[in-house]
Protein backbone atom coordinates (compact mmCIF):
# COMPACT_ATOMS: atom_id res chain seq x y z
CA MET A 1 19.32 2.26 -18.05
CA ALA A 2 18.61 5.27 -15.95
CA LYS A 3 16.41 5.19 -12.50
CA GLN A 4 13.15 7.06 -13.06
CA PRO A 5 12.76 9.32 -9.92
CA ALA A 6 10.07 7.78 -7.78
CA LYS A 7 7.71 11.03 -8.51
CA GLN A 8 7.90 10.88 -11.99
CA VAL A 9 7.13 6.84 -11.84
CA ASN A 10 3.88 8.19 -10.02
CA LYS A 11 2.98 10.92 -12.13
CA GLU A 12 3.34 8.54 -15.02
CA ARG A 13 0.84 5.76 -13.92
CA GLN A 14 -1.19 8.48 -12.65
CA ASN A 15 -1.62 9.73 -15.78
CA VAL A 16 -2.57 6.36 -17.38
CA GLU A 17 -5.17 5.73 -14.67
CA ASP A 18 -6.72 9.39 -15.38
CA GLU A 19 -6.91 8.31 -19.18
CA SER A 20 -8.63 5.26 -18.48
CA ALA A 21 -11.16 6.95 -16.14
CA GLN A 22 -11.71 9.50 -18.53
CA SER A 23 -12.67 6.63 -21.60
CA GLY A 24 -14.83 4.92 -19.02
CA SER A 25 -12.03 1.92 -18.39
CA MET A 26 -11.07 0.79 -15.92
CA ALA A 27 -6.89 0.86 -15.79
CA VAL A 28 -5.38 -2.49 -15.15
CA GLY A 29 -4.67 -3.23 -11.44
CA SER A 30 -7.51 -0.91 -9.88
CA ASN A 31 -10.47 -2.04 -8.90
CA PRO A 32 -14.26 -0.31 -9.83
CA GLN A 33 -13.70 2.19 -7.30
CA GLY A 34 -10.26 3.51 -8.69
CA GLN A 35 -8.27 2.14 -6.31
CA PRO A 36 -4.96 0.39 -7.11
CA GLU A 37 -4.77 -3.25 -6.09
CA GLU A 38 -1.86 -5.81 -6.45
CA ASP A 39 0.69 -3.02 -6.71
CA HIS A 40 3.42 -5.50 -6.54
CA VAL A 41 2.14 -7.13 -9.75
CA TYR A 42 1.74 -3.70 -11.28
CA GLY A 43 5.61 -3.38 -10.46
CA LEU A 44 6.73 -6.37 -11.70
CA ALA A 45 4.56 -5.88 -15.05
CA SER A 46 6.25 -2.59 -15.21
CA VAL A 47 10.14 -3.52 -14.65
CA LEU A 48 9.53 -6.19 -17.21
CA TYR A 49 8.15 -3.59 -19.61
CA HIS A 50 11.12 -1.41 -19.08
CA ALA A 51 13.59 -3.98 -18.96
CA LEU A 52 12.45 -4.88 -22.38
CA GLN A 53 12.46 -1.61 -23.87
CA GLY A 54 16.05 -1.71 -22.53
CA VAL A 55 17.05 -4.25 -24.23
CA THR A 56 15.70 -3.24 -27.41
CA ALA A 57 17.62 0.41 -26.89
CA ALA A 58 20.52 -1.24 -25.85
CA ARG A 59 20.44 -3.33 -29.39
CA LYS A 60 19.91 -0.16 -31.18
CA TYR A 61 22.94 1.68 -29.31
CA ALA A 62 25.10 -1.36 -29.66
CA ASP A 63 24.52 -1.62 -33.46
CA ASP A 64 25.40 2.42 -33.65
CA ALA A 65 28.41 1.87 -31.82
CA ARG A 66 29.31 -1.18 -33.84
CA ARG A 67 29.01 1.35 -37.39
CA ALA A 68 30.93 4.39 -35.43
CA GLY A 69 34.09 1.55 -34.39
CA ALA A 70 33.76 1.93 -30.90
CA GLU A 71 34.32 -1.24 -29.60
CA GLU A 72 34.07 -0.50 -25.98
CA LEU A 73 30.89 0.95 -26.19
CA VAL A 74 29.85 -1.89 -27.98
CA GLU A 75 30.98 -4.06 -25.26
CA PHE A 76 29.00 -2.06 -22.82
CA PHE A 77 25.62 -1.81 -24.84
CA GLU A 78 25.90 -6.01 -25.09
CA GLU A 79 26.59 -5.95 -21.17
CA CYS A 80 23.35 -3.96 -20.85
CA GLN A 81 21.20 -6.24 -23.24
CA ARG A 82 22.54 -9.32 -21.10
CA GLU A 83 21.55 -7.73 -18.03
CA GLY A 84 18.01 -6.57 -18.92
CA SER A 85 17.39 -9.45 -20.65
CA ALA A 86 18.27 -11.36 -17.26
CA ARG A 87 16.20 -8.66 -15.32
CA ALA A 88 12.98 -9.43 -18.04
CA LYS A 89 13.42 -13.22 -17.83
CA GLN A 90 13.64 -12.74 -13.81
CA ALA A 91 10.30 -10.28 -13.92
CA LYS A 92 8.68 -12.62 -15.81
CA SER A 93 9.29 -15.66 -13.73
CA LEU A 94 8.07 -13.61 -10.80
CA LEU A 95 4.53 -12.26 -12.39
CA LEU A 96 3.80 -15.87 -13.67
CA SER A 97 4.16 -16.66 -9.88
CA TYR A 98 2.28 -14.19 -8.81
CA ALA A 99 -0.68 -14.74 -11.48
CA GLU A 100 -0.88 -18.25 -10.54
CA ASP A 101 -1.28 -17.42 -7.11
CA ALA A 102 -3.95 -15.08 -7.46
CA GLU A 103 -5.86 -17.63 -9.71
CA ASP A 104 -5.79 -20.13 -7.29
CA GLU A 105 -6.96 -17.83 -4.77
CA ASP A 106 -9.46 -17.10 -7.14
CA GLU A 107 -10.88 -20.81 -7.82
CA GLU A 108 -11.04 -21.19 -3.60
CA ASP A 109 -12.71 -18.03 -3.25
CA ASP A 110 -15.29 -19.48 -6.21
CA GLU A 111 -15.75 -23.19 -4.55
CA ASP A 112 -16.45 -21.37 -1.07
CA ASP A 113 -19.17 -19.06 -2.84
CA GLU A 114 -20.96 -22.35 -3.97
CA ASP A 115 -20.58 -24.14 -1.11
CA ASP A 116 -22.39 -20.92 0.34
CA GLU A 117 -25.20 -21.14 -1.81
């Protein structure tokens, strides 16, 4: 899967945030003022999403190459599938880990708020 230039990724992210602002809803990973927060979590979610998209595309391309009798390409696309699946598994694991950490911090904040009352 080709690496997207950072400018394009930032532009796509800004488009999503702009669309959310226009619809009156908040973008995922934004605070009420619209400032991105938890960029690392957004990054993990994005990598997971794109890895899964790549696996799906590589599966289709492998099927196409198989029908065309291009065995070298079949092997290449199957390797892409394996790599994408491994990347998706790792991103999912990290995302769950960071989500649990954030949940633990929220619980601690809630307990602190109750103690203040």
